[in-house]
């Protein structure tokens, strides 16, 4: 049988060391968890860990440094859910306007 159309989003030959959860919406936007080869962990939407970063360990959200991130889901309205850990405990977030 014929293979489906495939599009490489990211690989572990450069900045990313390994991948965790992945989600995709109806428009084909992909978000994923990844461990960085240089250390650290985050949620990204493409192959560039700087330009395509959504949130990563060490970022500051609402005045607090993120110590852990966990991907939730991406919906068809370009909204992403994710959870973080920080000094005040676990929080759940919604990020609006995730782009292609």
C-alpha atoms as a PDB file:
ATOM      1  CA  UNK A   1       0.000   0.000   0.000  1.00  0.00           C
ATOM      2  CA  UNK A   2       1.053   3.620  -0.460  1.00  0.00           C
ATOM      3  CA  UNK A   3       2.628   5.478   2.425  1.00  0.00           C
ATOM      4  CA  UNK A   4       0.739   8.519   3.715  1.00  0.00           C
ATOM      5  CA  UNK A   5       2.187  12.003   3.200  1.00  0.00           C
ATOM      6  CA  UNK A   6       4.758  12.573   5.944  1.00  0.00           C
ATOM      7  CA  UNK A   7       6.180  15.863   7.244  1.00  0.00           C
ATOM      8  CA  UNK A   8       9.175  15.880   9.585  1.00  0.00           C
ATOM      9  CA  UNK A   9       8.576  18.270  12.485  1.00  0.00           C
ATOM     10  CA  UNK A  10      11.729  17.684  14.570  1.00  0.00           C
ATOM     11  CA  UNK A  11      14.347  15.000  15.204  1.00  0.00           C
ATOM     12  CA  UNK A  12      17.066  14.152  17.694  1.00  0.00           C
ATOM     13  CA  UNK A  13      20.030  14.819  15.410  1.00  0.00           C
ATOM     14  CA  UNK A  14      20.531  18.344  16.780  1.00  0.00           C
ATOM     15  CA  UNK A  15      19.110  20.334  19.669  1.00  0.00           C
ATOM     16  CA  UNK A  16      16.563  17.756  20.833  1.00  0.00           C
ATOM     17  CA  UNK A  17      17.716  14.657  22.721  1.00  0.00           C
ATOM     18  CA  UNK A  18      14.375  12.873  23.138  1.00  0.00           C
ATOM     19  CA  UNK A  19      10.637  13.375  22.810  1.00  0.00           C
ATOM     20  CA  UNK A  20       7.631  12.826  25.057  1.00  0.00           C
ATOM     21  CA  UNK A  21       3.957  13.466  24.370  1.00  0.00           C
ATOM     22  CA  UNK A  22       2.834  14.825  21.002  1.00  0.00           C
ATOM     23  CA  UNK A  23      -0.484  16.356  19.918  1.00  0.00           C
ATOM     24  CA  UNK A  24      -1.865  17.561  16.582  1.00  0.00           C
ATOM     25  CA  UNK A  25      -4.946  19.594  15.691  1.00  0.00           C
ATOM     26  CA  UNK A  26      -7.263  19.379  12.681  1.00  0.00           C
ATOM     27  CA  UNK A  27      -5.180  21.984  10.789  1.00  0.00           C
ATOM     28  CA  UNK A  28      -2.013  19.906  11.177  1.00  0.00           C
ATOM     29  CA  UNK A  29      -0.312  22.031  13.867  1.00  0.00           C
ATOM     30  CA  UNK A  30       1.918  19.834  16.027  1.00  0.00           C
ATOM     31  CA  UNK A  31       3.127  20.450  19.578  1.00  0.00           C
ATOM     32  CA  UNK A  32       5.441  18.157  21.527  1.00  0.00           C
ATOM     33  CA  UNK A  33       7.421  17.687  24.726  1.00  0.00           C
ATOM     34  CA  UNK A  34      11.161  17.356  24.326  1.00  0.00           C
ATOM     35  CA  UNK A  35      14.353  17.011  26.314  1.00  0.00           C
ATOM     36  CA  UNK A  36      17.112  19.249  24.991  1.00  0.00           C
ATOM     37  CA  UNK A  37      20.568  17.890  24.161  1.00  0.00           C
ATOM     38  CA  UNK A  38      22.061  20.819  26.123  1.00  0.00           C
ATOM     39  CA  UNK A  39      19.820  20.030  29.116  1.00  0.00           C
ATOM     40  CA  UNK A  40      16.353  21.171  30.003  1.00  0.00           C
ATOM     41  CA  UNK A  41      12.868  20.237  28.940  1.00  0.00           C
ATOM     42  CA  UNK A  42       9.976  22.038  27.326  1.00  0.00           C
ATOM     43  CA  UNK A  43       7.035  22.157  24.966  1.00  0.00           C
ATOM     44  CA  UNK A  44       7.758  23.143  21.365  1.00  0.00           C
ATOM     45  CA  UNK A  45       5.984  23.537  18.018  1.00  0.00           C
ATOM     46  CA  UNK A  46       8.841  23.036  15.584  1.00  0.00           C
ATOM     47  CA  UNK A  47      12.502  22.144  15.048  1.00  0.00           C
ATOM     48  CA  UNK A  48      14.079  25.304  16.536  1.00  0.00           C
ATOM     49  CA  UNK A  49      14.207  25.070  20.344  1.00  0.00           C
ATOM     50  CA  UNK A  50      14.450  28.866  20.651  1.00  0.00           C
ATOM     51  CA  UNK A  51      12.086  30.158  17.957  1.00  0.00           C
ATOM     52  CA  UNK A  52       9.575  27.289  18.379  1.00  0.00           C
ATOM     53  CA  UNK A  53       9.508  27.162  22.190  1.00  0.00           C
ATOM     54  CA  UNK A  54       6.127  27.510  23.854  1.00  0.00           C
ATOM     55  CA  UNK A  55       7.290  27.026  27.449  1.00  0.00           C
ATOM     56  CA  UNK A  56      10.307  25.386  29.070  1.00  0.00           C
ATOM     57  CA  UNK A  57      11.771  24.608  32.460  1.00  0.00           C
ATOM     58  CA  UNK A  58      13.414  27.785  33.731  1.00  0.00           C
ATOM     59  CA  UNK A  59      10.853  30.133  32.135  1.00  0.00           C
ATOM     60  CA  UNK A  60       8.949  32.500  34.376  1.00  0.00           C
ATOM     61  CA  UNK A  61       5.145  32.293  34.283  1.00  0.00           C
ATOM     62  CA  UNK A  62       3.021  34.560  36.439  1.00  0.00           C
ATOM     63  CA  UNK A  63       6.098  35.557  38.470  1.00  0.00           C
ATOM     64  CA  UNK A  64       7.208  32.010  39.177  1.00  0.00           C
ATOM     65  CA  UNK A  65      10.007  29.904  37.681  1.00  0.00           C
ATOM     66  CA  UNK A  66       8.800  26.718  35.993  1.00  0.00           C
ATOM     67  CA  UNK A  67      10.495  23.568  37.320  1.00  0.00           C
ATOM     68  CA  UNK A  68       8.547  20.989  35.268  1.00  0.00           C
ATOM     69  CA  UNK A  69       6.218  21.037  32.234  1.00  0.00           C
ATOM     70  CA  UNK A  70       3.683  18.528  30.954  1.00  0.00           C
ATOM     71  CA  UNK A  71       1.857  18.766  27.627  1.00  0.00           C
ATOM     72  CA  UNK A  72      -1.929  18.710  27.701  1.00  0.00           C
ATOM     73  CA  UNK A  73      -3.847  18.997  24.428  1.00  0.00           C
ATOM     74  CA  UNK A  74      -3.984  21.282  21.400  1.00  0.00           C
ATOM     75  CA  UNK A  75      -7.485  22.159  20.182  1.00  0.00           C
ATOM     76  CA  UNK A  76      -8.730  23.396  16.814  1.00  0.00           C
ATOM     77  CA  UNK A  77      -8.933  27.001  18.116  1.00  0.00           C
ATOM     78  CA  UNK A  78      -5.103  27.151  18.433  1.00  0.00           C
ATOM     79  CA  UNK A  79      -5.277  26.813  22.216  1.00  0.00           C
ATOM     80  CA  UNK A  80      -2.891  24.554  24.110  1.00  0.00           C
ATOM     81  CA  UNK A  81      -3.296  23.187  27.617  1.00  0.00           C
ATOM     82  CA  UNK A  82      -0.291  22.289  29.728  1.00  0.00           C
ATOM     83  CA  UNK A  83       0.667  21.841  33.370  1.00  0.00           C
ATOM     84  CA  UNK A  84       3.657  23.222  35.230  1.00  0.00           C
ATOM     85  CA  UNK A  85       5.311  22.763  38.589  1.00  0.00           C
ATOM     86  CA  UNK A  86       6.868  25.659  40.467  1.00  0.00           C
ATOM     87  CA  UNK A  87       7.453  26.893  44.003  1.00  0.00           C
ATOM     88  CA  UNK A  88       3.724  27.258  44.715  1.00  0.00           C
ATOM     89  CA  UNK A  89       2.826  23.816  43.371  1.00  0.00           C
ATOM     90  CA  UNK A  90       1.178  22.463  40.251  1.00  0.00           C
ATOM     91  CA  UNK A  91      -0.699  24.770  37.859  1.00  0.00           C
ATOM     92  CA  UNK A  92      -2.697  24.206  34.670  1.00  0.00           C
ATOM     93  CA  UNK A  93      -2.457  26.755  31.854  1.00  0.00           C
ATOM     94  CA  UNK A  94      -4.072  27.570  28.527  1.00  0.00           C
ATOM     95  CA  UNK A  95      -1.932  29.180  25.847  1.00  0.00           C
ATOM     96  CA  UNK A  96      -3.861  30.968  23.107  1.00  0.00           C
ATOM     97  CA  UNK A  97      -2.746  31.580  19.542  1.00  0.00           C
ATOM     98  CA  UNK A  98      -0.340  28.699  18.956  1.00  0.00           C
ATOM     99  CA  UNK A  99       0.838  29.267  15.385  1.00  0.00           C
ATOM    100  CA  UNK A 100       1.752  26.941  12.554  1.00  0.00           C
END
